[in-house]
Amino acid sequence: MLYSLCFLLFMIGLYCVLVKKNMIKIVVGILLMEYAVNLFLVMLGWRKVADGAVAPIAAGGDLLDKAGTVSQLFVSRAVDPLPQALVLTSIVIGLGSLALMVAICIRTYEKYGTFDITRIRRLKG
C-alpha cells in the first residue's frame, strides 16, 4: 500500500515535468520525484519497533556475545543503515540541484521576462 503511494507521488512529479509549461512547476515536479524516491528508500529500510528493531549502533557490549563474535540477535534486530545513508546523501545532492534549478529559472526570467517555456522557445535569443 505505502509503496504504491510512493509510485503515485513519483507519477504526479513526472506529470508535472512532462505536461506543465511553467519552469517553476517543472522544478516542483522534479522535487516531487526526488522525494518519492527518498520515501521509497526509507521504507525499504523500515522495521517495526514491535518486531524488536533497534538502531544499528552498538552501545557497550550489545554487538558481541559471550564467545566474542558478532551477536546474531543484534544483527537480526538492527535496521539497515544503508537506505538511511543513501537518503541523507540524496537530500544533500537534491538541495544543490534545487539551488541550481532556481538559479537557472531566475536568470531565464531576467533575460526573457517569463517562466513559460513555450514563449522562451519562440523568442530564441
N, C-alpha and C. Protein backbone atom coordinates (compact mmCIF):
# COMPACT_ATOMS: atom_id res chain seq x y z
N MET A 1 0.82 -1.20 0.00
CA MET A 1 0.00 0.00 0.00
C MET A 1 0.87 1.27 0.00
N LEU A 2 1.81 1.33 0.92
CA LEU A 2 2.64 2.52 1.01
C LEU A 2 3.57 2.66 -0.19
N TYR A 3 4.00 1.51 -0.73
CA TYR A 3 4.86 1.57 -1.91
C TYR A 3 4.10 2.14 -3.10
N SER A 4 2.81 1.84 -3.18
CA SER A 4 2.01 2.39 -4.28
C SER A 4 1.82 3.90 -4.12
N LEU A 5 1.80 4.39 -2.89
CA LEU A 5 1.73 5.83 -2.68
C LEU A 5 3.02 6.53 -3.12
N CYS A 6 4.15 5.86 -2.91
CA CYS A 6 5.42 6.40 -3.43
C CYS A 6 5.38 6.46 -4.94
N PHE A 7 4.85 5.40 -5.56
CA PHE A 7 4.74 5.37 -7.02
C PHE A 7 3.81 6.47 -7.50
N LEU A 8 2.69 6.69 -6.80
CA LEU A 8 1.75 7.74 -7.17
C LEU A 8 2.40 9.12 -7.05
N LEU A 9 3.14 9.35 -6.00
CA LEU A 9 3.84 10.62 -5.82
C LEU A 9 4.86 10.83 -6.94
N PHE A 10 5.56 9.77 -7.32
CA PHE A 10 6.52 9.87 -8.41
C PHE A 10 5.81 10.18 -9.73
N MET A 11 4.67 9.55 -9.96
CA MET A 11 3.94 9.78 -11.21
C MET A 11 3.37 11.20 -11.28
N ILE A 12 2.96 11.77 -10.15
CA ILE A 12 2.50 13.16 -10.13
C ILE A 12 3.65 14.09 -10.49
N GLY A 13 4.83 13.82 -9.95
CA GLY A 13 6.00 14.61 -10.31
C GLY A 13 6.36 14.48 -11.77
N LEU A 14 6.27 13.26 -12.31
CA LEU A 14 6.56 13.04 -13.73
C LEU A 14 5.55 13.76 -14.61
N TYR A 15 4.28 13.77 -14.19
CA TYR A 15 3.25 14.51 -14.92
C TYR A 15 3.59 16.00 -14.97
N CYS A 16 4.01 16.54 -13.84
CA CYS A 16 4.38 17.97 -13.81
C CYS A 16 5.55 18.26 -14.74
N VAL A 17 6.52 17.37 -14.79
CA VAL A 17 7.69 17.60 -15.64
C VAL A 17 7.32 17.52 -17.11
N LEU A 18 6.48 16.57 -17.48
CA LEU A 18 6.17 16.35 -18.90
C LEU A 18 5.09 17.26 -19.45
N VAL A 19 4.13 17.67 -18.64
CA VAL A 19 2.96 18.39 -19.16
C VAL A 19 3.01 19.89 -18.91
N LYS A 20 3.48 20.29 -17.75
CA LYS A 20 3.44 21.71 -17.39
C LYS A 20 4.43 22.53 -18.21
N LYS A 21 4.07 23.77 -18.48
CA LYS A 21 4.91 24.67 -19.28
C LYS A 21 5.63 25.72 -18.44
N ASN A 22 5.26 25.84 -17.19
CA ASN A 22 5.88 26.81 -16.30
C ASN A 22 7.14 26.19 -15.68
N MET A 23 8.25 26.91 -15.73
CA MET A 23 9.51 26.36 -15.23
C MET A 23 9.46 26.06 -13.73
N ILE A 24 8.75 26.87 -12.97
CA ILE A 24 8.65 26.65 -11.52
C ILE A 24 7.89 25.35 -11.24
N LYS A 25 6.83 25.10 -12.00
CA LYS A 25 6.07 23.86 -11.83
C LYS A 25 6.90 22.64 -12.23
N ILE A 26 7.76 22.80 -13.21
CA ILE A 26 8.65 21.71 -13.60
C ILE A 26 9.64 21.42 -12.48
N VAL A 27 10.16 22.46 -11.85
CA VAL A 27 11.08 22.27 -10.72
C VAL A 27 10.37 21.57 -9.57
N VAL A 28 9.12 21.95 -9.30
CA VAL A 28 8.35 21.29 -8.23
C VAL A 28 8.12 19.82 -8.58
N GLY A 29 7.88 19.53 -9.85
CA GLY A 29 7.71 18.14 -10.28
C GLY A 29 8.97 17.32 -10.07
N ILE A 30 10.11 17.90 -10.37
CA ILE A 30 11.38 17.21 -10.14
C ILE A 30 11.58 16.95 -8.65
N LEU A 31 11.23 17.92 -7.83
CA LEU A 31 11.35 17.74 -6.37
C LEU A 31 10.42 16.64 -5.87
N LEU A 32 9.20 16.59 -6.41
CA LEU A 32 8.27 15.53 -6.01
C LEU A 32 8.82 14.15 -6.35
N MET A 33 9.43 14.03 -7.53
CA MET A 33 10.01 12.74 -7.91
C MET A 33 11.16 12.38 -6.97
N GLU A 34 11.97 13.36 -6.62
CA GLU A 34 13.08 13.11 -5.70
C GLU A 34 12.57 12.68 -4.33
N TYR A 35 11.55 13.35 -3.82
CA TYR A 35 11.00 12.99 -2.51
C TYR A 35 10.36 11.61 -2.54
N ALA A 36 9.76 11.24 -3.66
CA ALA A 36 9.16 9.91 -3.77
C ALA A 36 10.23 8.82 -3.69
N VAL A 37 11.34 9.04 -4.36
CA VAL A 37 12.43 8.06 -4.31
C VAL A 37 13.02 7.99 -2.90
N ASN A 38 13.18 9.14 -2.25
CA ASN A 38 13.70 9.15 -0.87
C ASN A 38 12.76 8.41 0.07
N LEU A 39 11.47 8.65 -0.07
CA LEU A 39 10.49 7.98 0.78
C LEU A 39 10.51 6.47 0.54
N PHE A 40 10.66 6.07 -0.71
CA PHE A 40 10.74 4.64 -1.03
C PHE A 40 11.97 4.00 -0.38
N LEU A 41 13.10 4.67 -0.45
CA LEU A 41 14.31 4.12 0.16
C LEU A 41 14.20 4.03 1.68
N VAL A 42 13.57 5.02 2.29
CA VAL A 42 13.38 4.97 3.75
C VAL A 42 12.47 3.80 4.12
N MET A 43 11.43 3.58 3.32
CA MET A 43 10.51 2.48 3.63
C MET A 43 11.14 1.12 3.40
N LEU A 44 12.13 1.03 2.51
CA LEU A 44 12.83 -0.25 2.33
C LEU A 44 13.59 -0.65 3.59
N GLY A 45 14.15 0.31 4.28
CA GLY A 45 14.92 0.01 5.48
C GLY A 45 14.11 0.01 6.76
N TRP A 46 12.81 0.14 6.67
CA TRP A 46 11.97 0.26 7.86
C TRP A 46 11.71 -1.11 8.48
N ARG A 47 11.77 -1.16 9.79
CA ARG A 47 11.34 -2.32 10.57
C ARG A 47 10.49 -1.81 11.72
N LYS A 48 9.48 -2.56 12.05
CA LYS A 48 8.59 -2.14 13.13
C LYS A 48 9.29 -2.26 14.48
N VAL A 49 9.01 -1.32 15.34
CA VAL A 49 9.57 -1.35 16.69
C VAL A 49 9.02 -2.56 17.45
N ALA A 50 7.79 -2.96 17.13
CA ALA A 50 7.19 -4.12 17.79
C ALA A 50 7.96 -5.40 17.49
N ASP A 51 8.66 -5.44 16.35
CA ASP A 51 9.47 -6.60 15.99
C ASP A 51 10.83 -6.59 16.69
N GLY A 52 11.07 -5.61 17.52
CA GLY A 52 12.33 -5.51 18.25
C GLY A 52 13.42 -4.79 17.49
N ALA A 53 13.04 -3.94 16.56
CA ALA A 53 14.03 -3.22 15.76
C ALA A 53 14.79 -2.22 16.62
N VAL A 54 16.09 -2.16 16.39
CA VAL A 54 16.94 -1.22 17.11
C VAL A 54 17.79 -0.48 16.10
N ALA A 55 18.30 0.67 16.51
CA ALA A 55 19.22 1.42 15.65
C ALA A 55 20.51 0.63 15.51
N PRO A 56 21.17 0.72 14.36
CA PRO A 56 22.38 -0.08 14.15
C PRO A 56 23.61 0.52 14.84
N ILE A 57 23.45 0.87 16.10
CA ILE A 57 24.54 1.44 16.89
C ILE A 57 24.80 0.48 18.05
N ALA A 58 25.98 -0.03 18.12
CA ALA A 58 26.33 -0.98 19.18
C ALA A 58 26.82 -0.20 20.39
N ALA A 59 26.01 -0.19 21.43
CA ALA A 59 26.38 0.52 22.66
C ALA A 59 26.87 -0.50 23.67
N GLY A 60 28.07 -0.33 24.12
CA GLY A 60 28.62 -1.24 25.13
C GLY A 60 28.86 -2.62 24.56
N GLY A 61 28.28 -3.62 25.18
CA GLY A 61 28.51 -5.00 24.76
C GLY A 61 27.39 -5.57 23.92
N ASP A 62 26.56 -4.73 23.33
CA ASP A 62 25.44 -5.23 22.53
C ASP A 62 25.89 -5.99 21.30
N LEU A 63 27.01 -5.61 20.74
CA LEU A 63 27.44 -6.18 19.47
C LEU A 63 28.03 -7.57 19.63
N LEU A 64 28.71 -7.83 20.73
CA LEU A 64 29.40 -9.10 20.91
C LEU A 64 28.65 -10.00 21.87
N ASP A 65 28.65 -11.30 21.56
CA ASP A 65 28.06 -12.24 22.50
C ASP A 65 29.15 -12.79 23.43
N LYS A 66 28.84 -13.84 24.19
CA LYS A 66 29.79 -14.35 25.18
C LYS A 66 31.04 -14.95 24.54
N ALA A 67 30.91 -15.45 23.31
CA ALA A 67 32.06 -16.06 22.64
C ALA A 67 32.95 -15.01 21.98
N GLY A 68 32.54 -13.76 21.99
CA GLY A 68 33.35 -12.70 21.40
C GLY A 68 33.07 -12.48 19.92
N THR A 69 32.06 -13.13 19.39
CA THR A 69 31.69 -12.92 17.97
C THR A 69 30.49 -11.99 17.89
N VAL A 70 30.18 -11.58 16.69
CA VAL A 70 29.06 -10.66 16.50
C VAL A 70 27.75 -11.38 16.84
N SER A 71 26.96 -10.77 17.67
CA SER A 71 25.71 -11.36 18.11
C SER A 71 24.71 -11.42 16.96
N GLN A 72 24.20 -12.61 16.69
CA GLN A 72 23.21 -12.78 15.62
C GLN A 72 21.89 -12.11 15.98
N LEU A 73 21.59 -12.03 17.27
CA LEU A 73 20.37 -11.35 17.69
C LEU A 73 20.44 -9.87 17.36
N PHE A 74 21.60 -9.25 17.62
CA PHE A 74 21.76 -7.83 17.29
C PHE A 74 21.67 -7.61 15.78
N VAL A 75 22.31 -8.48 15.02
CA VAL A 75 22.31 -8.34 13.56
C VAL A 75 20.91 -8.52 13.01
N SER A 76 20.14 -9.45 13.55
CA SER A 76 18.78 -9.68 13.04
C SER A 76 17.81 -8.58 13.45
N ARG A 77 18.08 -7.89 14.56
CA ARG A 77 17.17 -6.84 15.03
C ARG A 77 17.53 -5.45 14.53
N ALA A 78 18.77 -5.23 14.13
CA ALA A 78 19.21 -3.88 13.72
C ALA A 78 18.62 -3.52 12.35
N VAL A 79 18.20 -2.28 12.24
CA VAL A 79 17.69 -1.80 10.95
C VAL A 79 18.86 -1.60 9.99
N ASP A 80 18.56 -1.63 8.70
CA ASP A 80 19.60 -1.48 7.69
C ASP A 80 19.99 -0.01 7.59
N PRO A 81 21.25 0.34 7.83
CA PRO A 81 21.65 1.75 7.79
C PRO A 81 21.92 2.27 6.38
N LEU A 82 22.03 1.39 5.39
CA LEU A 82 22.36 1.82 4.03
C LEU A 82 21.28 2.72 3.43
N PRO A 83 19.98 2.39 3.49
CA PRO A 83 18.99 3.32 2.94
C PRO A 83 19.00 4.68 3.63
N GLN A 84 19.26 4.70 4.92
CA GLN A 84 19.32 5.98 5.63
C GLN A 84 20.48 6.82 5.13
N ALA A 85 21.62 6.20 4.91
CA ALA A 85 22.78 6.93 4.39
C ALA A 85 22.54 7.41 2.97
N LEU A 86 21.90 6.58 2.15
CA LEU A 86 21.61 6.98 0.77
C LEU A 86 20.63 8.14 0.73
N VAL A 87 19.62 8.11 1.58
CA VAL A 87 18.64 9.20 1.60
C VAL A 87 19.29 10.49 2.10
N LEU A 88 20.13 10.41 3.10
CA LEU A 88 20.82 11.60 3.59
C LEU A 88 21.69 12.20 2.49
N THR A 89 22.41 11.37 1.76
CA THR A 89 23.22 11.85 0.64
C THR A 89 22.34 12.44 -0.45
N SER A 90 21.22 11.79 -0.72
CA SER A 90 20.30 12.28 -1.75
C SER A 90 19.70 13.63 -1.38
N ILE A 91 19.42 13.84 -0.12
CA ILE A 91 18.87 15.13 0.32
C ILE A 91 19.88 16.24 0.10
N VAL A 92 21.14 15.97 0.41
CA VAL A 92 22.18 16.99 0.23
C VAL A 92 22.37 17.30 -1.26
N ILE A 93 22.43 16.26 -2.09
CA ILE A 93 22.58 16.47 -3.53
C ILE A 93 21.35 17.17 -4.09
N GLY A 94 20.16 16.81 -3.60
CA GLY A 94 18.93 17.45 -4.05
C GLY A 94 18.89 18.93 -3.71
N LEU A 95 19.43 19.29 -2.57
CA LEU A 95 19.48 20.71 -2.21
C LEU A 95 20.37 21.48 -3.17
N GLY A 96 21.50 20.90 -3.54
CA GLY A 96 22.38 21.56 -4.51
C GLY A 96 21.74 21.67 -5.88
N SER A 97 21.08 20.62 -6.32
CA SER A 97 20.43 20.68 -7.63
C SER A 97 19.24 21.63 -7.61
N LEU A 98 18.53 21.73 -6.48
CA LEU A 98 17.44 22.69 -6.37
C LEU A 98 17.96 24.12 -6.48
N ALA A 99 19.07 24.40 -5.82
CA ALA A 99 19.66 25.74 -5.91
C ALA A 99 20.05 26.06 -7.35
N LEU A 100 20.60 25.08 -8.06
CA LEU A 100 20.98 25.29 -9.45
C LEU A 100 19.75 25.53 -10.33
N MET A 101 18.69 24.73 -10.12
CA MET A 101 17.47 24.91 -10.92
C MET A 101 16.82 26.27 -10.66
N VAL A 102 16.79 26.70 -9.41
CA VAL A 102 16.21 28.00 -9.10
C VAL A 102 17.05 29.12 -9.70
N ALA A 103 18.37 28.97 -9.66
CA ALA A 103 19.24 29.98 -10.27
C ALA A 103 19.02 30.06 -11.78
N ILE A 104 18.86 28.92 -12.43
CA ILE A 104 18.58 28.91 -13.87
C ILE A 104 17.23 29.56 -14.15
N CYS A 105 16.22 29.28 -13.32
CA CYS A 105 14.90 29.90 -13.50
C CYS A 105 14.98 31.42 -13.34
N ILE A 106 15.71 31.88 -12.35
CA ILE A 106 15.84 33.33 -12.12
C ILE A 106 16.54 34.00 -13.28
N ARG A 107 17.64 33.41 -13.76
CA ARG A 107 18.37 34.01 -14.89
C ARG A 107 17.53 34.00 -16.16
N THR A 108 16.77 32.95 -16.36
CA THR A 108 15.89 32.88 -17.53
C THR A 108 14.80 33.94 -17.45
N TYR A 109 14.25 34.13 -16.25
CA TYR A 109 13.22 35.15 -16.09
C TYR A 109 13.80 36.55 -16.30
N GLU A 110 15.02 36.78 -15.83
CA GLU A 110 15.66 38.09 -16.04
C GLU A 110 15.89 38.36 -17.53
N LYS A 111 16.22 37.32 -18.28
CA LYS A 111 16.52 37.51 -19.70
C LYS A 111 15.26 37.60 -20.55
N TYR A 112 14.28 36.71 -20.31
CA TYR A 112 13.10 36.63 -21.17
C TYR A 112 11.85 37.25 -20.56
N GLY A 113 11.81 37.44 -19.26
CA GLY A 113 10.65 38.03 -18.62
C GLY A 113 9.48 37.09 -18.45
N THR A 114 9.69 35.79 -18.56
CA THR A 114 8.62 34.82 -18.40
C THR A 114 9.19 33.49 -17.93
N PHE A 115 8.32 32.69 -17.31
CA PHE A 115 8.68 31.33 -16.92
C PHE A 115 8.10 30.30 -17.88
N ASP A 116 7.33 30.75 -18.87
CA ASP A 116 6.67 29.85 -19.82
C ASP A 116 7.69 29.35 -20.84
N ILE A 117 7.90 28.04 -20.91
CA ILE A 117 8.94 27.52 -21.80
C ILE A 117 8.54 27.58 -23.27
N THR A 118 7.25 27.63 -23.57
CA THR A 118 6.86 27.75 -24.98
C THR A 118 7.19 29.15 -25.51
N ARG A 119 6.99 30.17 -24.69
CA ARG A 119 7.35 31.53 -25.11
C ARG A 119 8.86 31.70 -25.19
N ILE A 120 9.59 31.06 -24.31
CA ILE A 120 11.06 31.15 -24.33
C ILE A 120 11.60 30.49 -25.59
N ARG A 121 11.01 29.38 -26.00
CA ARG A 121 11.45 28.71 -27.23
C ARG A 121 11.18 29.57 -28.45
N ARG A 122 10.07 30.32 -28.44
CA ARG A 122 9.74 31.18 -29.58
C ARG A 122 10.66 32.39 -29.67
N LEU A 123 11.16 32.89 -28.53
CA LEU A 123 11.98 34.09 -28.54
C LEU A 123 13.38 33.84 -29.11
N LYS A 124 13.98 32.75 -28.78
CA LYS A 124 15.29 32.33 -29.29
C LYS A 124 16.32 33.44 -29.31
N GLY A 125 16.62 34.01 -28.23
CA GLY A 125 17.69 34.99 -28.27
C GLY A 125 17.69 35.87 -27.11
